[in-house]
């Protein structure tokens, strides 16, 4: 899963180039229509587990990362409805940060980028990015604060996943989808916690994970897996043609 999964034209936010640019906030999530899963920070598990299946997968660099499943087939997001709205109460932070994103720039630290393909980016309507003096507007400061919080939670989650991988608690799971109309297929490449290995952890390790909050994260992950059935129901309701099952993040 690439971090820029639905950013069509991400560019560095430039104080001169974007001086007069505005962002028109909207309720359209059309940009995420082809994202069948997105990254999820650990701090989001509590809300996300109520509506989504939270699983783990390997990123392009081989790192284990948690994701929420949004679809069961390549390039299909079952949470974006026909009116381009988001059909769930909780919206992952990965989605909410759009059209902004932090990206690695060679020779520099993380830099703020904006998707110039975002339809709401214009010169006449919405929130200014910079004020008359070229300073960050209140709107942009709020966006930057959100990105900063997001990055800190990303690093915490990355450390959690490293410990999870080192513990050997993850196992591969192939999810079989059997639809009410008789169609069935399998989603490969999912990683989930092995409950038998979790129960067999040494007492000291289990206590450490409990006190760190990591055991709670794993519990929410396991509880969330029942939400896979909701995706099957959504897909069956759309009655769209079958495609090959995707790898998570495809």
C-alpha atoms as a PDB file:
ATOM      1  CA  UNK A   1       0.000   0.000   0.000  1.00  0.00           C
ATOM      2  CA  UNK A   2       1.541   3.275  -1.027  1.00  0.00           C
ATOM      3  CA  UNK A   3       1.158   6.243   1.311  1.00  0.00           C
ATOM      4  CA  UNK A   4       0.029   8.324  -1.674  1.00  0.00           C
ATOM      5  CA  UNK A   5      -2.553   5.797  -2.798  1.00  0.00           C
ATOM      6  CA  UNK A   6      -5.051   8.304  -4.204  1.00  0.00           C
ATOM      7  CA  UNK A   7      -2.981  11.473  -4.578  1.00  0.00           C
ATOM      8  CA  UNK A   8      -2.918  12.108  -8.326  1.00  0.00           C
ATOM      9  CA  UNK A   9      -0.633  15.167  -8.410  1.00  0.00           C
ATOM     10  CA  UNK A  10       1.076  15.722  -5.035  1.00  0.00           C
ATOM     11  CA  UNK A  11       3.403  18.730  -5.004  1.00  0.00           C
ATOM     12  CA  UNK A  12       5.286  20.549  -2.284  1.00  0.00           C
ATOM     13  CA  UNK A  13       3.183  23.251  -0.678  1.00  0.00           C
ATOM     14  CA  UNK A  14       4.856  26.484  -1.803  1.00  0.00           C
ATOM     15  CA  UNK A  15       4.306  29.828  -0.102  1.00  0.00           C
ATOM     16  CA  UNK A  16       4.703  31.710  -3.392  1.00  0.00           C
ATOM     17  CA  UNK A  17       3.155  29.301  -5.869  1.00  0.00           C
ATOM     18  CA  UNK A  18       0.105  28.693  -3.696  1.00  0.00           C
ATOM     19  CA  UNK A  19      -0.119  32.201  -2.235  1.00  0.00           C
ATOM     20  CA  UNK A  20      -3.600  32.907  -3.641  1.00  0.00           C
ATOM     21  CA  UNK A  21      -4.891  29.354  -3.627  1.00  0.00           C
ATOM     22  CA  UNK A  22      -7.959  28.346  -1.631  1.00  0.00           C
ATOM     23  CA  UNK A  23      -9.364  25.023  -0.505  1.00  0.00           C
ATOM     24  CA  UNK A  24     -13.092  24.538  -0.840  1.00  0.00           C
ATOM     25  CA  UNK A  25     -14.045  21.936   1.776  1.00  0.00           C
ATOM     26  CA  UNK A  26     -16.604  19.441   0.587  1.00  0.00           C
ATOM     27  CA  UNK A  27     -18.301  16.223   1.539  1.00  0.00           C
ATOM     28  CA  UNK A  28     -17.155  14.304  -1.538  1.00  0.00           C
ATOM     29  CA  UNK A  29     -14.964  11.262  -1.038  1.00  0.00           C
ATOM     30  CA  UNK A  30     -14.750  10.430  -4.735  1.00  0.00           C
ATOM     31  CA  UNK A  31     -10.947  10.645  -4.487  1.00  0.00           C
ATOM     32  CA  UNK A  32     -10.915   7.489  -2.311  1.00  0.00           C
ATOM     33  CA  UNK A  33     -13.299   5.451  -4.452  1.00  0.00           C
ATOM     34  CA  UNK A  34     -10.538   3.072  -5.627  1.00  0.00           C
ATOM     35  CA  UNK A  35      -8.830   2.525  -2.255  1.00  0.00           C
ATOM     36  CA  UNK A  36      -9.781  -0.962  -1.038  1.00  0.00           C
ATOM     37  CA  UNK A  37      -7.958  -0.411   2.271  1.00  0.00           C
ATOM     38  CA  UNK A  38      -6.131   2.401   4.067  1.00  0.00           C
ATOM     39  CA  UNK A  39      -3.564   2.638   6.840  1.00  0.00           C
ATOM     40  CA  UNK A  40      -4.883   2.895  10.393  1.00  0.00           C
ATOM     41  CA  UNK A  41      -3.006   4.298  13.388  1.00  0.00           C
ATOM     42  CA  UNK A  42      -3.235   2.431  16.685  1.00  0.00           C
ATOM     43  CA  UNK A  43      -5.026   5.332  18.362  1.00  0.00           C
ATOM     44  CA  UNK A  44      -7.898   4.834  15.885  1.00  0.00           C
ATOM     45  CA  UNK A  45      -8.542   1.163  16.696  1.00  0.00           C
ATOM     46  CA  UNK A  46     -11.096   1.955  19.394  1.00  0.00           C
ATOM     47  CA  UNK A  47     -13.505   3.672  16.988  1.00  0.00           C
ATOM     48  CA  UNK A  48     -12.593   1.805  13.814  1.00  0.00           C
ATOM     49  CA  UNK A  49     -13.173  -1.660  15.280  1.00  0.00           C
ATOM     50  CA  UNK A  50     -16.877  -0.865  15.646  1.00  0.00           C
ATOM     51  CA  UNK A  51     -17.389  -0.549  11.887  1.00  0.00           C
ATOM     52  CA  UNK A  52     -14.395  -1.970  10.000  1.00  0.00           C
ATOM     53  CA  UNK A  53     -12.301  -5.119   9.829  1.00  0.00           C
ATOM     54  CA  UNK A  54      -8.800  -4.210  11.032  1.00  0.00           C
ATOM     55  CA  UNK A  55      -6.077  -6.473   9.642  1.00  0.00           C
ATOM     56  CA  UNK A  56      -2.336  -6.304   9.106  1.00  0.00           C
ATOM     57  CA  UNK A  57      -0.446  -6.478   5.844  1.00  0.00           C
ATOM     58  CA  UNK A  58       3.030  -5.823   4.520  1.00  0.00           C
ATOM     59  CA  UNK A  59       3.815  -2.490   2.932  1.00  0.00           C
ATOM     60  CA  UNK A  60       6.003  -2.110  -0.149  1.00  0.00           C
ATOM     61  CA  UNK A  61       9.070  -1.948   2.096  1.00  0.00           C
ATOM     62  CA  UNK A  62       8.166  -5.179   3.861  1.00  0.00           C
ATOM     63  CA  UNK A  63       7.012  -3.500   7.076  1.00  0.00           C
ATOM     64  CA  UNK A  64       3.917  -4.811   8.808  1.00  0.00           C
ATOM     65  CA  UNK A  65       1.192  -2.162   9.004  1.00  0.00           C
ATOM     66  CA  UNK A  66      -2.421  -2.162  10.221  1.00  0.00           C
ATOM     67  CA  UNK A  67      -5.136  -1.317   7.693  1.00  0.00           C
ATOM     68  CA  UNK A  68      -8.909  -1.101   7.613  1.00  0.00           C
ATOM     69  CA  UNK A  69     -10.559  -3.098   4.871  1.00  0.00           C
ATOM     70  CA  UNK A  70     -12.780  -0.903   2.682  1.00  0.00           C
ATOM     71  CA  UNK A  71     -13.366  -3.403  -0.096  1.00  0.00           C
ATOM     72  CA  UNK A  72     -12.760  -7.026  -1.014  1.00  0.00           C
ATOM     73  CA  UNK A  73     -11.654  -6.496  -4.601  1.00  0.00           C
ATOM     74  CA  UNK A  74      -8.978  -4.474  -6.339  1.00  0.00           C
ATOM     75  CA  UNK A  75      -9.700  -0.768  -6.741  1.00  0.00           C
ATOM     76  CA  UNK A  76     -13.098  -0.896  -5.041  1.00  0.00           C
ATOM     77  CA  UNK A  77     -14.068   1.050  -1.918  1.00  0.00           C
ATOM     78  CA  UNK A  78     -17.439  -0.157  -0.664  1.00  0.00           C
ATOM     79  CA  UNK A  79     -17.668   2.691   1.870  1.00  0.00           C
ATOM     80  CA  UNK A  80     -17.943   5.407  -0.823  1.00  0.00           C
ATOM     81  CA  UNK A  81     -21.555   5.457  -1.960  1.00  0.00           C
ATOM     82  CA  UNK A  82     -23.170   6.560  -5.219  1.00  0.00           C
ATOM     83  CA  UNK A  83     -23.360  10.165  -3.988  1.00  0.00           C
ATOM     84  CA  UNK A  84     -19.608  10.153  -3.151  1.00  0.00           C
ATOM     85  CA  UNK A  85     -20.407  10.221   0.572  1.00  0.00           C
ATOM     86  CA  UNK A  86     -18.713   8.076   3.218  1.00  0.00           C
ATOM     87  CA  UNK A  87     -21.111   5.400   4.404  1.00  0.00           C
ATOM     88  CA  UNK A  88     -19.804   4.952   7.954  1.00  0.00           C
ATOM     89  CA  UNK A  89     -19.731   7.033  11.094  1.00  0.00           C
ATOM     90  CA  UNK A  90     -15.943   6.938  11.625  1.00  0.00           C
ATOM     91  CA  UNK A  91     -13.673   8.133   8.816  1.00  0.00           C
ATOM     92  CA  UNK A  92     -10.000   7.046   9.089  1.00  0.00           C
ATOM     93  CA  UNK A  93      -7.475   9.843   9.586  1.00  0.00           C
ATOM     94  CA  UNK A  94      -5.662   8.629   6.462  1.00  0.00           C
ATOM     95  CA  UNK A  95      -8.712   9.789   4.504  1.00  0.00           C
ATOM     96  CA  UNK A  96      -9.464  12.919   6.541  1.00  0.00           C
ATOM     97  CA  UNK A  97      -6.041  14.484   5.951  1.00  0.00           C
ATOM     98  CA  UNK A  98      -6.666  14.782   2.200  1.00  0.00           C
ATOM     99  CA  UNK A  99      -5.692  16.872   0.170  1.00  0.00           C
ATOM    100  CA  UNK A 100      -2.627  17.360   2.395  1.00  0.00           C
ATOM    101  CA  UNK A 101       0.071  14.798   3.137  1.00  0.00           C
ATOM    102  CA  UNK A 102       3.548  14.610   4.601  1.00  0.00           C
ATOM    103  CA  UNK A 103       6.047  13.128   2.159  1.00  0.00           C
ATOM    104  CA  UNK A 104       9.727  12.274   2.265  1.00  0.00           C
ATOM    105  CA  UNK A 105      11.911  14.592   0.206  1.00  0.00           C
ATOM    106  CA  UNK A 106      15.493  13.543  -0.636  1.00  0.00           C
ATOM    107  CA  UNK A 107      17.964  15.406   1.554  1.00  0.00           C
ATOM    108  CA  UNK A 108      15.195  16.895   3.707  1.00  0.00           C
ATOM    109  CA  UNK A 109      12.903  15.961   6.528  1.00  0.00           C
ATOM    110  CA  UNK A 110       9.217  15.343   5.887  1.00  0.00           C
ATOM    111  CA  UNK A 111       7.629  18.084   3.802  1.00  0.00           C
ATOM    112  CA  UNK A 112       4.014  19.171   3.419  1.00  0.00           C
ATOM    113  CA  UNK A 113       2.457  18.388   0.058  1.00  0.00           C
ATOM    114  CA  UNK A 114      -0.939  19.085  -1.447  1.00  0.00           C
ATOM    115  CA  UNK A 115      -2.721  17.280  -4.254  1.00  0.00           C
ATOM    116  CA  UNK A 116      -3.102  19.814  -7.063  1.00  0.00           C
ATOM    117  CA  UNK A 117      -5.606  17.465  -8.703  1.00  0.00           C
ATOM    118  CA  UNK A 118      -8.011  18.039  -5.801  1.00  0.00           C
ATOM    119  CA  UNK A 119     -11.171  19.610  -7.340  1.00  0.00           C
ATOM    120  CA  UNK A 120     -11.607  21.880  -4.322  1.00  0.00           C
ATOM    121  CA  UNK A 121      -8.285  23.666  -4.912  1.00  0.00           C
ATOM    122  CA  UNK A 122      -9.061  26.983  -6.608  1.00  0.00           C
ATOM    123  CA  UNK A 123      -8.495  30.759  -6.547  1.00  0.00           C
ATOM    124  CA  UNK A 124     -11.939  32.068  -5.618  1.00  0.00           C
ATOM    125  CA  UNK A 125     -13.822  29.911  -3.103  1.00  0.00           C
ATOM    126  CA  UNK A 126     -13.072  28.354   0.252  1.00  0.00           C
ATOM    127  CA  UNK A 127     -10.307  28.710   2.826  1.00  0.00           C
ATOM    128  CA  UNK A 128      -7.112  30.588   2.015  1.00  0.00           C
ATOM    129  CA  UNK A 129      -3.866  28.678   2.494  1.00  0.00           C
ATOM    130  CA  UNK A 130      -1.902  31.860   3.206  1.00  0.00           C
ATOM    131  CA  UNK A 131      -2.927  35.300   4.431  1.00  0.00           C
ATOM    132  CA  UNK A 132      -2.205  38.644   2.765  1.00  0.00           C
ATOM    133  CA  UNK A 133       1.291  38.692   4.301  1.00  0.00           C
ATOM    134  CA  UNK A 134       2.107  35.226   3.051  1.00  0.00           C
ATOM    135  CA  UNK A 135       1.843  33.618   6.490  1.00  0.00           C
ATOM    136  CA  UNK A 136       0.013  30.378   7.193  1.00  0.00           C
ATOM    137  CA  UNK A 137      -3.729  30.922   7.484  1.00  0.00           C
ATOM    138  CA  UNK A 138      -5.651  29.562  10.467  1.00  0.00           C
ATOM    139  CA  UNK A 139      -7.057  26.873   8.171  1.00  0.00           C
ATOM    140  CA  UNK A 140      -3.577  25.770   7.093  1.00  0.00           C
ATOM    141  CA  UNK A 141      -2.278  25.810  10.681  1.00  0.00           C
ATOM    142  CA  UNK A 142      -5.078  23.450  11.689  1.00  0.00           C
ATOM    143  CA  UNK A 143      -4.212  21.169   8.768  1.00  0.00           C
ATOM    144  CA  UNK A 144      -0.519  21.185   9.728  1.00  0.00           C
ATOM    145  CA  UNK A 145      -1.377  20.388  13.363  1.00  0.00           C
ATOM    146  CA  UNK A 146      -3.446  17.442  12.145  1.00  0.00           C
ATOM    147  CA  UNK A 147      -0.557  16.191   9.981  1.00  0.00           C
ATOM    148  CA  UNK A 148       1.839  16.533  12.922  1.00  0.00           C
ATOM    149  CA  UNK A 149      -0.447  14.534  15.211  1.00  0.00           C
ATOM    150  CA  UNK A 150      -0.924  11.968  12.472  1.00  0.00           C
ATOM    151  CA  UNK A 151       2.832  11.536  12.030  1.00  0.00           C
ATOM    152  CA  UNK A 152       3.420  11.072  15.772  1.00  0.00           C
ATOM    153  CA  UNK A 153       0.729   8.393  15.932  1.00  0.00           C
ATOM    154  CA  UNK A 154       2.186   6.776  12.810  1.00  0.00           C
ATOM    155  CA  UNK A 155       5.557   6.407  14.553  1.00  0.00           C
ATOM    156  CA  UNK A 156       3.946   4.933  17.680  1.00  0.00           C
ATOM    157  CA  UNK A 157       2.023   2.466  15.536  1.00  0.00           C
ATOM    158  CA  UNK A 158       5.156   1.547  13.607  1.00  0.00           C
ATOM    159  CA  UNK A 159       6.923   0.677  16.872  1.00  0.00           C
ATOM    160  CA  UNK A 160       3.918  -1.402  17.977  1.00  0.00           C
ATOM    161  CA  UNK A 161       3.959  -3.343  14.685  1.00  0.00           C
ATOM    162  CA  UNK A 162       7.681  -3.987  14.981  1.00  0.00           C
ATOM    163  CA  UNK A 163       7.183  -5.526  18.428  1.00  0.00           C
ATOM    164  CA  UNK A 164       4.215  -7.502  17.146  1.00  0.00           C
ATOM    165  CA  UNK A 165       6.254  -8.899  14.278  1.00  0.00           C
ATOM    166  CA  UNK A 166       9.167  -9.777  16.566  1.00  0.00           C
ATOM    167  CA  UNK A 167       6.829 -11.629  18.918  1.00  0.00           C
ATOM    168  CA  UNK A 168       5.765 -13.999  16.137  1.00  0.00           C
ATOM    169  CA  UNK A 169       2.078 -13.491  16.890  1.00  0.00           C
ATOM    170  CA  UNK A 170       0.961 -12.865  13.312  1.00  0.00           C
ATOM    171  CA  UNK A 171      -0.279 -15.517  10.913  1.00  0.00           C
ATOM    172  CA  UNK A 172      -1.585 -15.391   7.374  1.00  0.00           C
ATOM    173  CA  UNK A 173      -5.310 -15.555   6.826  1.00  0.00           C
ATOM    174  CA  UNK A 174      -7.191 -16.014   3.579  1.00  0.00           C
ATOM    175  CA  UNK A 175     -10.695 -14.553   3.791  1.00  0.00           C
ATOM    176  CA  UNK A 176     -13.300 -16.476   1.810  1.00  0.00           C
ATOM    177  CA  UNK A 177     -16.292 -14.410   0.729  1.00  0.00           C
ATOM    178  CA  UNK A 178     -19.480 -16.358   0.071  1.00  0.00           C
ATOM    179  CA  UNK A 179     -22.197 -14.094  -1.274  1.00  0.00           C
ATOM    180  CA  UNK A 180     -25.917 -14.749  -0.998  1.00  0.00           C
ATOM    181  CA  UNK A 181     -26.193 -14.902  -4.801  1.00  0.00           C
ATOM    182  CA  UNK A 182     -23.880 -17.904  -4.912  1.00  0.00           C
ATOM    183  CA  UNK A 183     -20.674 -16.109  -5.871  1.00  0.00           C
ATOM    184  CA  UNK A 184     -17.557 -16.734  -3.789  1.00  0.00           C
ATOM    185  CA  UNK A 185     -13.898 -15.728  -3.869  1.00  0.00           C
ATOM    186  CA  UNK A 186     -10.870 -15.442  -1.595  1.00  0.00           C
ATOM    187  CA  UNK A 187      -8.912 -12.405  -0.409  1.00  0.00           C
ATOM    188  CA  UNK A 188      -5.238 -13.286   0.143  1.00  0.00           C
ATOM    189  CA  UNK A 189      -2.361 -11.582   1.893  1.00  0.00           C
ATOM    190  CA  UNK A 190      -4.051 -10.752   5.200  1.00  0.00           C
ATOM    191  CA  UNK A 191      -2.202 -11.030   8.511  1.00  0.00           C
ATOM    192  CA  UNK A 192      -4.061 -11.536  11.782  1.00  0.00           C
ATOM    193  CA  UNK A 193      -3.099 -12.332  15.350  1.00  0.00           C
ATOM    194  CA  UNK A 194      -2.815 -16.028  16.182  1.00  0.00           C
ATOM    195  CA  UNK A 195      -5.013 -16.349  19.284  1.00  0.00           C
ATOM    196  CA  UNK A 196      -3.341 -19.593  20.398  1.00  0.00           C
ATOM    197  CA  UNK A 197       0.089 -17.969  20.388  1.00  0.00           C
ATOM    198  CA  UNK A 198      -1.336 -14.907  22.125  1.00  0.00           C
ATOM    199  CA  UNK A 199      -2.751 -17.078  24.929  1.00  0.00           C
ATOM    200  CA  UNK A 200       0.603 -18.888  25.254  1.00  0.00           C
ATOM    201  CA  UNK A 201       2.665 -15.739  25.824  1.00  0.00           C
ATOM    202  CA  UNK A 202       4.849 -15.781  28.944  1.00  0.00           C
ATOM    203  CA  UNK A 203       3.203 -14.006  31.877  1.00  0.00           C
ATOM    204  CA  UNK A 204       5.829 -11.255  31.932  1.00  0.00           C
ATOM    205  CA  UNK A 205       5.338 -10.527  28.228  1.00  0.00           C
ATOM    206  CA  UNK A 206       1.545 -10.499  28.527  1.00  0.00           C
ATOM    207  CA  UNK A 207       1.723  -8.165  31.536  1.00  0.00           C
ATOM    208  CA  UNK A 208       4.060  -5.806  29.672  1.00  0.00           C
ATOM    209  CA  UNK A 209       1.711  -5.731  26.674  1.00  0.00           C
ATOM    210  CA  UNK A 210      -1.267  -5.135  28.958  1.00  0.00           C
ATOM    211  CA  UNK A 211       0.360  -2.174  30.697  1.00  0.00           C
ATOM    212  CA  UNK A 212       1.510  -0.649  27.393  1.00  0.00           C
ATOM    213  CA  UNK A 213      -1.999  -0.884  25.948  1.00  0.00           C
ATOM    214  CA  UNK A 214      -0.856  -3.199  23.171  1.00  0.00           C
ATOM    215  CA  UNK A 215      -2.952  -6.101  24.422  1.00  0.00           C
ATOM    216  CA  UNK A 216      -6.014  -3.884  24.157  1.00  0.00           C
ATOM    217  CA  UNK A 217      -5.113  -3.037  20.557  1.00  0.00           C
ATOM    218  CA  UNK A 218      -4.882  -6.733  19.730  1.00  0.00           C
ATOM    219  CA  UNK A 219      -8.255  -7.390  21.354  1.00  0.00           C
ATOM    220  CA  UNK A 220      -9.884  -4.669  19.251  1.00  0.00           C
ATOM    221  CA  UNK A 221      -8.248  -6.088  16.128  1.00  0.00           C
ATOM    222  CA  UNK A 222      -9.646  -9.560  16.836  1.00  0.00           C
ATOM    223  CA  UNK A 223     -13.116  -8.244  17.653  1.00  0.00           C
ATOM    224  CA  UNK A 224     -13.155  -6.215  14.433  1.00  0.00           C
ATOM    225  CA  UNK A 225     -12.711  -9.233  12.163  1.00  0.00           C
ATOM    226  CA  UNK A 226     -16.431  -9.994  12.352  1.00  0.00           C
ATOM    227  CA  UNK A 227     -16.976  -6.772  10.366  1.00  0.00           C
ATOM    228  CA  UNK A 228     -15.650  -8.573   7.285  1.00  0.00           C
ATOM    229  CA  UNK A 229     -19.205  -9.866   6.926  1.00  0.00           C
ATOM    230  CA  UNK A 230     -20.418  -6.268   6.488  1.00  0.00           C
ATOM    231  CA  UNK A 231     -18.164  -5.871   3.467  1.00  0.00           C
ATOM    232  CA  UNK A 232     -19.575  -9.032   1.943  1.00  0.00           C
ATOM    233  CA  UNK A 233     -23.087  -7.701   2.440  1.00  0.00           C
ATOM    234  CA  UNK A 234     -22.158  -4.348   0.872  1.00  0.00           C
ATOM    235  CA  UNK A 235     -20.586  -6.041  -2.132  1.00  0.00           C
ATOM    236  CA  UNK A 236     -23.546  -8.350  -2.631  1.00  0.00           C
ATOM    237  CA  UNK A 237     -25.880  -5.346  -2.517  1.00  0.00           C
ATOM    238  CA  UNK A 238     -23.980  -3.610  -5.331  1.00  0.00           C
ATOM    239  CA  UNK A 239     -24.191  -6.650  -7.608  1.00  0.00           C
ATOM    240  CA  UNK A 240     -21.164  -5.486  -9.586  1.00  0.00           C
ATOM    241  CA  UNK A 241     -19.150  -7.834 -11.844  1.00  0.00           C
ATOM    242  CA  UNK A 242     -16.569 -10.061 -10.221  1.00  0.00           C
ATOM    243  CA  UNK A 243     -12.866  -9.269 -10.511  1.00  0.00           C
ATOM    244  CA  UNK A 244      -9.773 -11.102  -9.276  1.00  0.00           C
ATOM    245  CA  UNK A 245      -9.323 -10.886  -5.522  1.00  0.00           C
ATOM    246  CA  UNK A 246      -6.743  -8.201  -4.572  1.00  0.00           C
ATOM    247  CA  UNK A 247      -3.781  -8.114  -2.285  1.00  0.00           C
ATOM    248  CA  UNK A 248      -4.544  -5.700   0.587  1.00  0.00           C
ATOM    249  CA  UNK A 249      -3.729  -2.177  -0.473  1.00  0.00           C
ATOM    250  CA  UNK A 250      -3.960  -2.885  -4.202  1.00  0.00           C
END
